[in-house]
């Protein structure tokens, strides 16, 4: 696994949490493999391709207020990168808070996720 891929994952998460979506998009530009899919458990939808990567943010904003995902650890697992995160937010409709730990597993093919 390229240390560069691990660092890109970390930088994207940090940019997203700062609200710097332009930087997050720039870091991911050209990095999605043609068969890229994202399966977030908390949105009950599969997102595909570059547009799907952008759409997930819009859907998060419709579902959660003050959504924050702090990266606690990024683990190099060869062709995979495991991201352990602490997620906090409040539901848009009723303001119900969430505070939980989650994991994201990304598979890389070279520099493509």
C-alpha atoms as a PDB file:
ATOM      1  CA  UNK A   1       0.000   0.000   0.000  1.00  0.00           C
ATOM      2  CA  UNK A   2       1.245   3.408  -0.860  1.00  0.00           C
ATOM      3  CA  UNK A   3       1.760   5.669   2.124  1.00  0.00           C
ATOM      4  CA  UNK A   4       0.429   8.370  -0.213  1.00  0.00           C
ATOM      5  CA  UNK A   5      -2.998   6.673  -0.286  1.00  0.00           C
ATOM      6  CA  UNK A   6      -3.104   6.570   3.509  1.00  0.00           C
ATOM      7  CA  UNK A   7      -2.209  10.265   3.656  1.00  0.00           C
ATOM      8  CA  UNK A   8      -4.837  11.196   1.037  1.00  0.00           C
ATOM      9  CA  UNK A   9      -7.533   9.431   3.087  1.00  0.00           C
ATOM     10  CA  UNK A  10      -6.451  11.389   6.166  1.00  0.00           C
ATOM     11  CA  UNK A  11      -6.310  14.731   4.301  1.00  0.00           C
ATOM     12  CA  UNK A  12      -9.748  14.252   2.712  1.00  0.00           C
ATOM     13  CA  UNK A  13     -11.322  13.564   6.107  1.00  0.00           C
ATOM     14  CA  UNK A  14      -9.643  16.602   7.643  1.00  0.00           C
ATOM     15  CA  UNK A  15     -10.712  18.875   4.769  1.00  0.00           C
ATOM     16  CA  UNK A  16     -14.289  17.592   4.964  1.00  0.00           C
ATOM     17  CA  UNK A  17     -14.463  18.316   8.693  1.00  0.00           C
ATOM     18  CA  UNK A  18     -13.159  21.845   8.126  1.00  0.00           C
ATOM     19  CA  UNK A  19     -15.942  22.350   5.590  1.00  0.00           C
ATOM     20  CA  UNK A  20     -13.307  22.731   2.873  1.00  0.00           C
ATOM     21  CA  UNK A  21     -15.110  20.687   0.233  1.00  0.00           C
ATOM     22  CA  UNK A  22     -13.060  22.165  -2.610  1.00  0.00           C
ATOM     23  CA  UNK A  23      -9.878  20.724  -1.127  1.00  0.00           C
ATOM     24  CA  UNK A  24     -11.555  17.368  -0.458  1.00  0.00           C
ATOM     25  CA  UNK A  25     -12.779  17.231  -4.077  1.00  0.00           C
ATOM     26  CA  UNK A  26      -9.357  18.238  -5.408  1.00  0.00           C
ATOM     27  CA  UNK A  27      -7.652  15.515  -3.372  1.00  0.00           C
ATOM     28  CA  UNK A  28     -10.069  12.916  -4.746  1.00  0.00           C
ATOM     29  CA  UNK A  29     -10.050  14.179  -8.329  1.00  0.00           C
ATOM     30  CA  UNK A  30      -9.188  11.288 -10.624  1.00  0.00           C
ATOM     31  CA  UNK A  31      -8.812   8.843  -7.729  1.00  0.00           C
ATOM     32  CA  UNK A  32     -12.151   7.038  -8.065  1.00  0.00           C
ATOM     33  CA  UNK A  33     -11.944   3.781  -9.967  1.00  0.00           C
ATOM     34  CA  UNK A  34     -14.617   3.293 -12.667  1.00  0.00           C
ATOM     35  CA  UNK A  35     -16.405   0.794 -10.381  1.00  0.00           C
ATOM     36  CA  UNK A  36     -16.216   2.999  -7.240  1.00  0.00           C
ATOM     37  CA  UNK A  37     -19.057   2.348  -4.789  1.00  0.00           C
ATOM     38  CA  UNK A  38     -19.682   3.747  -1.322  1.00  0.00           C
ATOM     39  CA  UNK A  39     -22.086   1.915   1.012  1.00  0.00           C
ATOM     40  CA  UNK A  40     -22.719   4.085   4.108  1.00  0.00           C
ATOM     41  CA  UNK A  41     -24.826   2.168   6.619  1.00  0.00           C
ATOM     42  CA  UNK A  42     -26.516   5.314   7.907  1.00  0.00           C
ATOM     43  CA  UNK A  43     -27.891   6.501   4.535  1.00  0.00           C
ATOM     44  CA  UNK A  44     -29.277   3.220   3.146  1.00  0.00           C
ATOM     45  CA  UNK A  45     -28.111   3.929  -0.394  1.00  0.00           C
ATOM     46  CA  UNK A  46     -25.199   2.955  -2.628  1.00  0.00           C
ATOM     47  CA  UNK A  47     -23.254   5.848  -4.168  1.00  0.00           C
ATOM     48  CA  UNK A  48     -21.343   5.266  -7.390  1.00  0.00           C
ATOM     49  CA  UNK A  49     -18.587   7.092  -9.206  1.00  0.00           C
ATOM     50  CA  UNK A  50     -17.377  10.660  -8.792  1.00  0.00           C
ATOM     51  CA  UNK A  51     -20.890  12.062  -8.686  1.00  0.00           C
ATOM     52  CA  UNK A  52     -21.883   9.599  -5.978  1.00  0.00           C
ATOM     53  CA  UNK A  53     -18.936  10.723  -3.876  1.00  0.00           C
ATOM     54  CA  UNK A  54     -20.239  14.288  -4.079  1.00  0.00           C
ATOM     55  CA  UNK A  55     -23.878  13.294  -3.548  1.00  0.00           C
ATOM     56  CA  UNK A  56     -23.168  11.542  -0.261  1.00  0.00           C
ATOM     57  CA  UNK A  57     -22.205  14.895   1.294  1.00  0.00           C
ATOM     58  CA  UNK A  58     -25.463  16.495   0.157  1.00  0.00           C
ATOM     59  CA  UNK A  59     -27.446  13.589   1.569  1.00  0.00           C
ATOM     60  CA  UNK A  60     -25.569  13.746   4.872  1.00  0.00           C
ATOM     61  CA  UNK A  61     -26.452  17.432   5.157  1.00  0.00           C
ATOM     62  CA  UNK A  62     -30.149  16.643   4.570  1.00  0.00           C
ATOM     63  CA  UNK A  63     -30.125  13.902   7.223  1.00  0.00           C
ATOM     64  CA  UNK A  64     -27.804  15.278   9.913  1.00  0.00           C
ATOM     65  CA  UNK A  65     -27.032  18.649  11.470  1.00  0.00           C
ATOM     66  CA  UNK A  66     -23.552  19.359  12.776  1.00  0.00           C
ATOM     67  CA  UNK A  67     -22.249  16.136  11.222  1.00  0.00           C
ATOM     68  CA  UNK A  68     -18.638  15.545  12.195  1.00  0.00           C
ATOM     69  CA  UNK A  69     -16.456  12.538  11.569  1.00  0.00           C
ATOM     70  CA  UNK A  70     -13.151  12.717  13.418  1.00  0.00           C
ATOM     71  CA  UNK A  71     -10.516  10.324  12.179  1.00  0.00           C
ATOM     72  CA  UNK A  72      -9.046   8.464  15.139  1.00  0.00           C
ATOM     73  CA  UNK A  73      -6.805   6.096  13.248  1.00  0.00           C
ATOM     74  CA  UNK A  74      -5.888   5.209   9.676  1.00  0.00           C
ATOM     75  CA  UNK A  75      -4.545   1.678   9.273  1.00  0.00           C
ATOM     76  CA  UNK A  76      -2.590   0.489   6.248  1.00  0.00           C
ATOM     77  CA  UNK A  77      -3.825  -3.035   5.369  1.00  0.00           C
ATOM     78  CA  UNK A  78      -2.050  -3.571   2.084  1.00  0.00           C
ATOM     79  CA  UNK A  79      -4.470  -2.788  -0.733  1.00  0.00           C
ATOM     80  CA  UNK A  80      -7.012  -1.622   1.857  1.00  0.00           C
ATOM     81  CA  UNK A  81      -7.060   1.381   4.169  1.00  0.00           C
ATOM     82  CA  UNK A  82      -9.112   1.089   7.356  1.00  0.00           C
ATOM     83  CA  UNK A  83     -10.349   4.364   8.844  1.00  0.00           C
ATOM     84  CA  UNK A  84     -11.583   4.352  12.436  1.00  0.00           C
ATOM     85  CA  UNK A  85     -13.711   7.386  13.156  1.00  0.00           C
ATOM     86  CA  UNK A  86     -15.777   9.045  15.851  1.00  0.00           C
ATOM     87  CA  UNK A  87     -19.008  10.417  14.409  1.00  0.00           C
ATOM     88  CA  UNK A  88     -21.240  12.972  16.095  1.00  0.00           C
ATOM     89  CA  UNK A  89     -24.317  14.696  14.683  1.00  0.00           C
ATOM     90  CA  UNK A  90     -27.954  15.542  15.345  1.00  0.00           C
ATOM     91  CA  UNK A  91     -30.888  14.356  13.263  1.00  0.00           C
ATOM     92  CA  UNK A  92     -32.420  17.107  11.141  1.00  0.00           C
ATOM     93  CA  UNK A  93     -36.024  16.224  11.963  1.00  0.00           C
ATOM     94  CA  UNK A  94     -35.961  15.748  15.708  1.00  0.00           C
ATOM     95  CA  UNK A  95     -32.497  16.818  16.765  1.00  0.00           C
ATOM     96  CA  UNK A  96     -31.704  13.384  18.167  1.00  0.00           C
ATOM     97  CA  UNK A  97     -27.953  13.221  18.799  1.00  0.00           C
ATOM     98  CA  UNK A  98     -25.668  10.433  17.692  1.00  0.00           C
ATOM     99  CA  UNK A  99     -22.258   9.743  19.137  1.00  0.00           C
ATOM    100  CA  UNK A 100     -20.689   6.564  17.869  1.00  0.00           C
ATOM    101  CA  UNK A 101     -17.598   4.953  16.514  1.00  0.00           C
ATOM    102  CA  UNK A 102     -17.535   3.681  12.949  1.00  0.00           C
ATOM    103  CA  UNK A 103     -15.101   2.179  10.504  1.00  0.00           C
ATOM    104  CA  UNK A 104     -14.663   2.715   6.777  1.00  0.00           C
ATOM    105  CA  UNK A 105     -12.764   0.270   4.618  1.00  0.00           C
ATOM    106  CA  UNK A 106     -11.406   1.549   1.308  1.00  0.00           C
ATOM    107  CA  UNK A 107      -9.843  -0.726  -1.292  1.00  0.00           C
ATOM    108  CA  UNK A 108      -7.208   0.761  -3.534  1.00  0.00           C
ATOM    109  CA  UNK A 109      -6.018  -0.371  -6.938  1.00  0.00           C
ATOM    110  CA  UNK A 110      -2.817   1.622  -7.289  1.00  0.00           C
ATOM    111  CA  UNK A 111      -3.945   5.194  -6.596  1.00  0.00           C
ATOM    112  CA  UNK A 112      -7.615   4.503  -7.405  1.00  0.00           C
ATOM    113  CA  UNK A 113     -10.146   3.885  -4.653  1.00  0.00           C
END
